Amino acid sequence: MAFFAASCDDVDTNRKFAEHLGLDFPILSDPDHKVATAYGVVTPERKYPHRWTFYIGSDGVIKAIDRQVDPTTAGRELAATLDKLGF
């Protein structure tokens, strides 16, 4: 299993943020919003991207999307969803 975060910030900003938090996973950068737009995370109506979690299987198929991410409970919810999906 692999996991990562994605952000519309530039590479340097994401690198510094990951180092600051001591993350053991990468933060991918999408400063031109191409990927975020393709996934519906960025829309013309919103100034900032949605904070969503996508669960993608090894076959490349999206298994679930959490559109109600709460940073204070995201870790527990992520673990529960991974368990539910059989990861």
PDB file of N, CA and C in Angstrom:
ATOM      1  N   MET A   1       0.845  -1.170   0.000  1.00  0.00           N
ATOM      2  CA  MET A   1       0.000   0.000   0.000  1.00  0.00           C
ATOM      3  C   MET A   1       0.894   1.239   0.000  1.00  0.00           C
ATOM      4  N   ALA A   2       0.469   2.240  -0.707  1.00  0.00           N
ATOM      5  CA  ALA A   2       1.175   3.522  -0.740  1.00  0.00           C
ATOM      6  C   ALA A   2       0.179   4.618  -0.414  1.00  0.00           C
ATOM      7  N   PHE A   3       0.665   5.654   0.212  1.00  0.00           N
ATOM      8  CA  PHE A   3      -0.201   6.798   0.448  1.00  0.00           C
ATOM      9  C   PHE A   3       0.608   8.073   0.324  1.00  0.00           C
ATOM     10  N   PHE A   4      -0.100   9.144   0.008  1.00  0.00           N
ATOM     11  CA  PHE A   4       0.533  10.443  -0.172  1.00  0.00           C
ATOM     12  C   PHE A   4      -0.533  11.511  -0.028  1.00  0.00           C
ATOM     13  N   ALA A   5      -0.090  12.719   0.121  1.00  0.00           N
ATOM     14  CA  ALA A   5      -0.987  13.871   0.118  1.00  0.00           C
ATOM     15  C   ALA A   5      -0.764  14.610  -1.191  1.00  0.00           C
ATOM     16  N   ALA A   6      -1.717  15.412  -1.565  1.00  0.00           N
ATOM     17  CA  ALA A   6      -1.579  16.245  -2.757  1.00  0.00           C
ATOM     18  C   ALA A   6      -2.044  17.647  -2.388  1.00  0.00           C
ATOM     19  N   SER A   7      -1.376  18.626  -2.954  1.00  0.00           N
ATOM     20  CA  SER A   7      -1.671  20.020  -2.631  1.00  0.00           C
ATOM     21  C   SER A   7      -1.514  20.874  -3.885  1.00  0.00           C
ATOM     22  N   CYS A   8      -2.239  21.961  -3.922  1.00  0.00           N
ATOM     23  CA  CYS A   8      -2.101  22.909  -5.031  1.00  0.00           C
ATOM     24  C   CYS A   8      -0.962  23.889  -4.798  1.00  0.00           C
ATOM     25  N   ASP A   9      -0.239  23.735  -3.686  1.00  0.00           N
ATOM     26  CA  ASP A   9       0.933  24.572  -3.427  1.00  0.00           C
ATOM     27  C   ASP A   9       2.110  24.092  -4.272  1.00  0.00           C
ATOM     28  N   ASP A  10       3.121  24.938  -4.392  1.00  0.00           N
ATOM     29  CA  ASP A  10       4.293  24.577  -5.194  1.00  0.00           C
ATOM     30  C   ASP A  10       5.168  23.558  -4.437  1.00  0.00           C
ATOM     31  N   VAL A  11       6.105  22.970  -5.159  1.00  0.00           N
ATOM     32  CA  VAL A  11       6.959  21.905  -4.620  1.00  0.00           C
ATOM     33  C   VAL A  11       7.721  22.361  -3.382  1.00  0.00           C
ATOM     34  N   ASP A  12       8.324  23.534  -3.434  1.00  0.00           N
ATOM     35  CA  ASP A  12       9.129  24.004  -2.317  1.00  0.00           C
ATOM     36  C   ASP A  12       8.280  24.206  -1.059  1.00  0.00           C
ATOM     37  N   THR A  13       7.106  24.772  -1.218  1.00  0.00           N
ATOM     38  CA  THR A  13       6.198  24.973  -0.081  1.00  0.00           C
ATOM     39  C   THR A  13       5.800  23.638   0.532  1.00  0.00           C
ATOM     40  N   ASN A  14       5.457  22.659  -0.315  1.00  0.00           N
ATOM     41  CA  ASN A  14       5.072  21.337   0.185  1.00  0.00           C
ATOM     42  C   ASN A  14       6.237  20.618   0.853  1.00  0.00           C
ATOM     43  N   ARG A  15       7.430  20.758   0.304  1.00  0.00           N
ATOM     44  CA  ARG A  15       8.610  20.124   0.907  1.00  0.00           C
ATOM     45  C   ARG A  15       8.852  20.686   2.304  1.00  0.00           C
ATOM     46  N   LYS A  16       8.820  21.998   2.419  1.00  0.00           N
ATOM     47  CA  LYS A  16       9.035  22.636   3.717  1.00  0.00           C
ATOM     48  C   LYS A  16       7.954  22.244   4.721  1.00  0.00           C
ATOM     49  N   PHE A  17       6.719  22.170   4.272  1.00  0.00           N
ATOM     50  CA  PHE A  17       5.613  21.799   5.151  1.00  0.00           C
ATOM     51  C   PHE A  17       5.784  20.354   5.633  1.00  0.00           C
ATOM     52  N   ALA A  18       6.147  19.450   4.723  1.00  0.00           N
ATOM     53  CA  ALA A  18       6.356  18.046   5.091  1.00  0.00           C
ATOM     54  C   ALA A  18       7.507  17.916   6.083  1.00  0.00           C
ATOM     55  N   GLU A  19       8.576  18.660   5.858  1.00  0.00           N
ATOM     56  CA  GLU A  19       9.713  18.633   6.792  1.00  0.00           C
ATOM     57  C   GLU A  19       9.305  19.184   8.154  1.00  0.00           C
ATOM     58  N   HIS A  20       8.552  20.271   8.155  1.00  0.00           N
ATOM     59  CA  HIS A  20       8.096  20.892   9.401  1.00  0.00           C
ATOM     60  C   HIS A  20       7.262  19.907  10.231  1.00  0.00           C
ATOM     61  N   LEU A  21       6.415  19.137   9.562  1.00  0.00           N
ATOM     62  CA  LEU A  21       5.559  18.181  10.257  1.00  0.00           C
ATOM     63  C   LEU A  21       6.245  16.838  10.500  1.00  0.00           C
ATOM     64  N   GLY A  22       7.408  16.623   9.872  1.00  0.00           N
ATOM     65  CA  GLY A  22       8.102  15.342  10.012  1.00  0.00           C
ATOM     66  C   GLY A  22       7.348  14.200   9.341  1.00  0.00           C
ATOM     67  N   LEU A  23       6.720  14.490   8.226  1.00  0.00           N
ATOM     68  CA  LEU A  23       5.932  13.469   7.534  1.00  0.00           C
ATOM     69  C   LEU A  23       6.822  12.378   6.947  1.00  0.00           C
ATOM     70  N   ASP A  24       6.306  11.159   6.930  1.00  0.00           N
ATOM     71  CA  ASP A  24       7.040  10.047   6.332  1.00  0.00           C
ATOM     72  C   ASP A  24       6.413   9.634   4.997  1.00  0.00           C
ATOM     73  N   PHE A  25       5.669  10.569   4.398  1.00  0.00           N
ATOM     74  CA  PHE A  25       5.074  10.347   3.083  1.00  0.00           C
ATOM     75  C   PHE A  25       5.168  11.640   2.286  1.00  0.00           C
ATOM     76  N   PRO A  26       5.131  11.539   0.973  1.00  0.00           N
ATOM     77  CA  PRO A  26       5.291  12.738   0.146  1.00  0.00           C
ATOM     78  C   PRO A  26       4.008  13.566   0.031  1.00  0.00           C
ATOM     79  N   ILE A  27       4.211  14.846  -0.229  1.00  0.00           N
ATOM     80  CA  ILE A  27       3.111  15.727  -0.611  1.00  0.00           C
ATOM     81  C   ILE A  27       3.349  16.098  -2.075  1.00  0.00           C
ATOM     82  N   LEU A  28       2.477  15.634  -2.932  1.00  0.00           N
ATOM     83  CA  LEU A  28       2.599  15.935  -4.355  1.00  0.00           C
ATOM     84  C   LEU A  28       2.095  17.350  -4.620  1.00  0.00           C
ATOM     85  N   SER A  29       2.688  18.006  -5.593  1.00  0.00           N
ATOM     86  CA  SER A  29       2.325  19.387  -5.909  1.00  0.00           C
ATOM     87  C   SER A  29       1.558  19.476  -7.221  1.00  0.00           C
ATOM     88  N   ASP A  30       0.522  20.287  -7.204  1.00  0.00           N
ATOM     89  CA  ASP A  30      -0.318  20.521  -8.378  1.00  0.00           C
ATOM     90  C   ASP A  30      -0.624  22.018  -8.480  1.00  0.00           C
ATOM     91  N   PRO A  31       0.443  22.850  -8.626  1.00  0.00           N
ATOM     92  CA  PRO A  31       0.230  24.302  -8.590  1.00  0.00           C
ATOM     93  C   PRO A  31      -0.612  24.841  -9.747  1.00  0.00           C
ATOM     94  N   ASP A  32      -0.695  24.109 -10.834  1.00  0.00           N
ATOM     95  CA  ASP A  32      -1.528  24.592 -11.947  1.00  0.00           C
ATOM     96  C   ASP A  32      -2.962  24.061 -11.871  1.00  0.00           C
ATOM     97  N   HIS A  33      -3.250  23.269 -10.844  1.00  0.00           N
ATOM     98  CA  HIS A  33      -4.598  22.760 -10.532  1.00  0.00           C
ATOM     99  C   HIS A  33      -5.142  21.788 -11.570  1.00  0.00           C
ATOM    100  N   LYS A  34      -4.317  21.266 -12.454  1.00  0.00           N
ATOM    101  CA  LYS A  34      -4.816  20.356 -13.490  1.00  0.00           C
ATOM    102  C   LYS A  34      -5.393  19.078 -12.899  1.00  0.00           C
ATOM    103  N   VAL A  35      -4.651  18.451 -11.988  1.00  0.00           N
ATOM    104  CA  VAL A  35      -5.121  17.200 -11.381  1.00  0.00           C
ATOM    105  C   VAL A  35      -6.300  17.486 -10.454  1.00  0.00           C
ATOM    106  N   ALA A  36      -6.188  18.531  -9.641  1.00  0.00           N
ATOM    107  CA  ALA A  36      -7.271  18.879  -8.715  1.00  0.00           C
ATOM    108  C   ALA A  36      -8.568  19.169  -9.464  1.00  0.00           C
ATOM    109  N   THR A  37      -8.459  19.826 -10.597  1.00  0.00           N
ATOM    110  CA  THR A  37      -9.646  20.103 -11.410  1.00  0.00           C
ATOM    111  C   THR A  37     -10.222  18.811 -11.981  1.00  0.00           C
ATOM    112  N   ALA A  38      -9.363  17.921 -12.454  1.00  0.00           N
ATOM    113  CA  ALA A  38      -9.820  16.645 -13.006  1.00  0.00           C
ATOM    114  C   ALA A  38     -10.562  15.809 -11.964  1.00  0.00           C
ATOM    115  N   TYR A  39     -10.137  15.904 -10.704  1.00  0.00           N
ATOM    116  CA  TYR A  39     -10.778  15.146  -9.626  1.00  0.00           C
ATOM    117  C   TYR A  39     -11.951  15.912  -8.998  1.00  0.00           C
ATOM    118  N   GLY A  40     -12.233  17.124  -9.451  1.00  0.00           N
ATOM    119  CA  GLY A  40     -13.339  17.904  -8.939  1.00  0.00           C
ATOM    120  C   GLY A  40     -13.048  18.630  -7.636  1.00  0.00           C
ATOM    121  N   VAL A  41     -11.788  18.602  -7.199  1.00  0.00           N
ATOM    122  CA  VAL A  41     -11.396  19.243  -5.946  1.00  0.00           C
ATOM    123  C   VAL A  41     -11.334  20.759  -6.104  1.00  0.00           C
ATOM    124  N   VAL A  42     -11.025  21.210  -7.297  1.00  0.00           N
ATOM    125  CA  VAL A  42     -11.007  22.633  -7.614  1.00  0.00           C
ATOM    126  C   VAL A  42     -12.100  22.888  -8.644  1.00  0.00           C
ATOM    127  N   THR A  43     -12.897  23.903  -8.377  1.00  0.00           N
ATOM    128  CA  THR A  43     -13.953  24.287  -9.312  1.00  0.00           C
ATOM    129  C   THR A  43     -13.900  25.802  -9.494  1.00  0.00           C
ATOM    130  N   PRO A  44     -14.456  26.305 -10.567  1.00  0.00           N
ATOM    131  CA  PRO A  44     -14.440  27.754 -10.787  1.00  0.00           C
ATOM    132  C   PRO A  44     -15.160  28.539  -9.687  1.00  0.00           C
ATOM    133  N   GLU A  45     -16.093  27.896  -8.993  1.00  0.00           N
ATOM    134  CA  GLU A  45     -16.890  28.581  -7.981  1.00  0.00           C
ATOM    135  C   GLU A  45     -16.163  28.756  -6.648  1.00  0.00           C
ATOM    136  N   ARG A  46     -15.083  27.991  -6.427  1.00  0.00           N
ATOM    137  CA  ARG A  46     -14.395  28.003  -5.130  1.00  0.00           C
ATOM    138  C   ARG A  46     -13.034  28.672  -5.231  1.00  0.00           C
ATOM    139  N   LYS A  47     -12.709  29.480  -4.227  1.00  0.00           N
ATOM    140  CA  LYS A  47     -11.400  30.130  -4.186  1.00  0.00           C
ATOM    141  C   LYS A  47     -10.311  29.137  -3.777  1.00  0.00           C
ATOM    142  N   TYR A  48     -10.652  28.195  -2.881  1.00  0.00           N
ATOM    143  CA  TYR A  48      -9.684  27.219  -2.374  1.00  0.00           C
ATOM    144  C   TYR A  48     -10.139  25.804  -2.705  1.00  0.00           C
ATOM    145  N   PRO A  49      -9.192  24.880  -2.849  1.00  0.00           N
ATOM    146  CA  PRO A  49      -9.555  23.485  -3.127  1.00  0.00           C
ATOM    147  C   PRO A  49     -10.302  22.854  -1.952  1.00  0.00           C
ATOM    148  N   HIS A  50     -11.157  21.898  -2.266  1.00  0.00           N
ATOM    149  CA  HIS A  50     -11.802  21.082  -1.238  1.00  0.00           C
ATOM    150  C   HIS A  50     -10.730  20.226  -0.558  1.00  0.00           C
ATOM    151  N   ARG A  51     -10.959  19.853   0.673  1.00  0.00           N
ATOM    152  CA  ARG A  51     -10.072  18.929   1.386  1.00  0.00           C
ATOM    153  C   ARG A  51     -10.773  17.573   1.382  1.00  0.00           C
ATOM    154  N   TRP A  52     -10.471  16.786   0.380  1.00  0.00           N
ATOM    155  CA  TRP A  52     -11.095  15.480   0.220  1.00  0.00           C
ATOM    156  C   TRP A  52     -10.030  14.388   0.287  1.00  0.00           C
ATOM    157  N   THR A  53     -10.462  13.181   0.663  1.00  0.00           N
ATOM    158  CA  THR A  53      -9.581  12.012   0.652  1.00  0.00           C
ATOM    159  C   THR A  53     -10.115  11.019  -0.371  1.00  0.00           C
ATOM    160  N   PHE A  54      -9.245  10.617  -1.289  1.00  0.00           N
ATOM    161  CA  PHE A  54      -9.584   9.609  -2.293  1.00  0.00           C
ATOM    162  C   PHE A  54      -8.889   8.308  -1.921  1.00  0.00           C
ATOM    163  N   TYR A  55      -9.617   7.205  -1.963  1.00  0.00           N
ATOM    164  CA  TYR A  55      -9.068   5.872  -1.716  1.00  0.00           C
ATOM    165  C   TYR A  55      -9.036   5.174  -3.070  1.00  0.00           C
ATOM    166  N   ILE A  56      -7.839   4.922  -3.564  1.00  0.00           N
ATOM    167  CA  ILE A  56      -7.666   4.375  -4.905  1.00  0.00           C
ATOM    168  C   ILE A  56      -7.011   3.006  -4.787  1.00  0.00           C
ATOM    169  N   GLY A  57      -7.639   2.009  -5.369  1.00  0.00           N
ATOM    170  CA  GLY A  57      -7.109   0.649  -5.323  1.00  0.00           C
ATOM    171  C   GLY A  57      -5.891   0.485  -6.216  1.00  0.00           C
ATOM    172  N   SER A  58      -5.211  -0.631  -6.047  1.00  0.00           N
ATOM    173  CA  SER A  58      -4.021  -0.913  -6.860  1.00  0.00           C
ATOM    174  C   SER A  58      -4.372  -1.043  -8.336  1.00  0.00           C
ATOM    175  N   ASP A  59      -5.662  -1.233  -8.632  1.00  0.00           N
ATOM    176  CA  ASP A  59      -6.126  -1.301 -10.023  1.00  0.00           C
ATOM    177  C   ASP A  59      -6.380   0.087 -10.612  1.00  0.00           C
ATOM    178  N   GLY A  60      -6.172   1.144  -9.788  1.00  0.00           N
ATOM    179  CA  GLY A  60      -6.367   2.514 -10.259  1.00  0.00           C
ATOM    180  C   GLY A  60      -7.793   3.011 -10.169  1.00  0.00           C
ATOM    181  N   VAL A  61      -8.692   2.187  -9.641  1.00  0.00           N
ATOM    182  CA  VAL A  61     -10.098   2.561  -9.524  1.00  0.00           C
ATOM    183  C   VAL A  61     -10.339   3.229  -8.167  1.00  0.00           C
ATOM    184  N   ILE A  62     -11.071   4.334  -8.183  1.00  0.00           N
ATOM    185  CA  ILE A  62     -11.422   5.012  -6.936  1.00  0.00           C
ATOM    186  C   ILE A  62     -12.426   4.149  -6.193  1.00  0.00           C
ATOM    187  N   LYS A  63     -12.069   3.737  -4.985  1.00  0.00           N
ATOM    188  CA  LYS A  63     -12.915   2.865  -4.165  1.00  0.00           C
ATOM    189  C   LYS A  63     -13.846   3.670  -3.262  1.00  0.00           C
ATOM    190  N   ALA A  64     -13.419   4.849  -2.843  1.00  0.00           N
ATOM    191  CA  ALA A  64     -14.236   5.701  -1.973  1.00  0.00           C
ATOM    192  C   ALA A  64     -13.677   7.121  -2.008  1.00  0.00           C
ATOM    193  N   ILE A  65     -14.529   8.074  -1.677  1.00  0.00           N
ATOM    194  CA  ILE A  65     -14.125   9.471  -1.543  1.00  0.00           C
ATOM    195  C   ILE A  65     -14.747   9.998  -0.261  1.00  0.00           C
ATOM    196  N   ASP A  66     -13.922  10.596   0.581  1.00  0.00           N
ATOM    197  CA  ASP A  66     -14.424  11.264   1.783  1.00  0.00           C
ATOM    198  C   ASP A  66     -14.458  12.754   1.484  1.00  0.00           C
ATOM    199  N   ARG A  67     -15.639  13.289   1.355  1.00  0.00           N
ATOM    200  CA  ARG A  67     -15.805  14.718   1.037  1.00  0.00           C
ATOM    201  C   ARG A  67     -16.083  15.547   2.292  1.00  0.00           C
ATOM    202  N   GLN A  68     -16.021  14.924   3.455  1.00  0.00           N
ATOM    203  CA  GLN A  68     -16.300  15.612   4.716  1.00  0.00           C
ATOM    204  C   GLN A  68     -15.097  15.508   5.647  1.00  0.00           C
ATOM    205  N   VAL A  69     -13.898  15.753   5.149  1.00  0.00           N
ATOM    206  CA  VAL A  69     -12.676  15.601   5.933  1.00  0.00           C
ATOM    207  C   VAL A  69     -12.614  16.655   7.037  1.00  0.00           C
ATOM    208  N   ASP A  70     -12.430  16.179   8.251  1.00  0.00           N
ATOM    209  CA  ASP A  70     -12.240  17.036   9.416  1.00  0.00           C
ATOM    210  C   ASP A  70     -10.828  16.761   9.929  1.00  0.00           C
ATOM    211  N   PRO A  71      -9.926  17.732   9.841  1.00  0.00           N
ATOM    212  CA  PRO A  71      -8.536  17.492  10.246  1.00  0.00           C
ATOM    213  C   PRO A  71      -8.377  16.946  11.663  1.00  0.00           C
ATOM    214  N   THR A  72      -9.330  17.236  12.546  1.00  0.00           N
ATOM    215  CA  THR A  72      -9.198  16.760  13.928  1.00  0.00           C
ATOM    216  C   THR A  72      -9.515  15.285  14.082  1.00  0.00           C
ATOM    217  N   THR A  73     -10.213  14.690  13.124  1.00  0.00           N
ATOM    218  CA  THR A  73     -10.572  13.271  13.206  1.00  0.00           C
ATOM    219  C   THR A  73     -10.130  12.482  11.981  1.00  0.00           C
ATOM    220  N   ALA A  74      -9.439  13.132  11.062  1.00  0.00           N
ATOM    221  CA  ALA A  74      -9.110  12.508   9.775  1.00  0.00           C
ATOM    222  C   ALA A  74      -8.311  11.219   9.922  1.00  0.00           C
ATOM    223  N   GLY A  75      -7.367  11.169  10.849  1.00  0.00           N
ATOM    224  CA  GLY A  75      -6.553   9.968  11.028  1.00  0.00           C
ATOM    225  C   GLY A  75      -7.388   8.758  11.390  1.00  0.00           C
ATOM    226  N   ARG A  76      -8.261   8.906  12.365  1.00  0.00           N
ATOM    227  CA  ARG A  76      -9.133   7.795  12.781  1.00  0.00           C
ATOM    228  C   ARG A  76     -10.079   7.398  11.659  1.00  0.00           C
ATOM    229  N   GLU A  77     -10.645   8.379  10.985  1.00  0.00           N
ATOM    230  CA  GLU A  77     -11.574   8.092   9.894  1.00  0.00           C
ATOM    231  C   GLU A  77     -10.869   7.403   8.734  1.00  0.00           C
ATOM    232  N   LEU A  78      -9.651   7.842   8.439  1.00  0.00           N
ATOM    233  CA  LEU A  78      -8.870   7.230   7.373  1.00  0.00           C
ATOM    234  C   LEU A  78      -8.588   5.765   7.701  1.00  0.00           C
ATOM    235  N   ALA A  79      -8.150   5.475   8.926  1.00  0.00           N
ATOM    236  CA  ALA A  79      -7.861   4.091   9.336  1.00  0.00           C
ATOM    237  C   ALA A  79      -9.123   3.236   9.256  1.00  0.00           C
ATOM    238  N   ALA A  80     -10.262   3.769   9.709  1.00  0.00           N
ATOM    239  CA  ALA A  80     -11.509   3.011   9.672  1.00  0.00           C
ATOM    240  C   ALA A  80     -11.930   2.718   8.238  1.00  0.00           C
ATOM    241  N   THR A  81     -11.803   3.705   7.353  1.00  0.00           N
ATOM    242  CA  THR A  81     -12.181   3.495   5.951  1.00  0.00           C
ATOM    243  C   THR A  81     -11.267   2.477   5.287  1.00  0.00           C
ATOM    244  N   LEU A  82      -9.950   2.572   5.546  1.00  0.00           N
ATOM    245  CA  LEU A  82      -9.019   1.596   4.983  1.00  0.00           C
ATOM    246  C   LEU A  82      -9.389   0.191   5.440  1.00  0.00           C
ATOM    247  N   ASP A  83      -9.726   0.029   6.713  1.00  0.00           N
ATOM    248  CA  ASP A  83     -10.137  -1.277   7.241  1.00  0.00           C
ATOM    249  C   ASP A  83     -11.401  -1.763   6.557  1.00  0.00           C
ATOM    250  N   LYS A  84     -12.392  -0.883   6.451  1.00  0.00           N
ATOM    251  CA  LYS A  84     -13.663  -1.215   5.816  1.00  0.00           C
ATOM    252  C   LYS A  84     -13.483  -1.658   4.364  1.00  0.00           C
ATOM    253  N   LEU A  85     -12.545  -1.004   3.671  1.00  0.00           N
ATOM    254  CA  LEU A  85     -12.294  -1.334   2.261  1.00  0.00           C
ATOM    255  C   LEU A  85     -11.380  -2.530   2.091  1.00  0.00           C
ATOM    256  N   GLY A  86     -10.824  -3.043   3.197  1.00  0.00           N
ATOM    257  CA  GLY A  86      -9.986  -4.233   3.131  1.00  0.00           C
ATOM    258  C   GLY A  86      -8.546  -3.970   2.727  1.00  0.00           C
ATOM    259  N   PHE A  87      -8.070  -2.759   2.924  1.00  0.00           N
ATOM    260  CA  PHE A  87      -6.681  -2.443   2.608  1.00  0.00           C
ATOM    261  C   PHE A  87      -5.779  -2.952   3.711  1.00  0.00           C
TER     262      PHE A  87
END
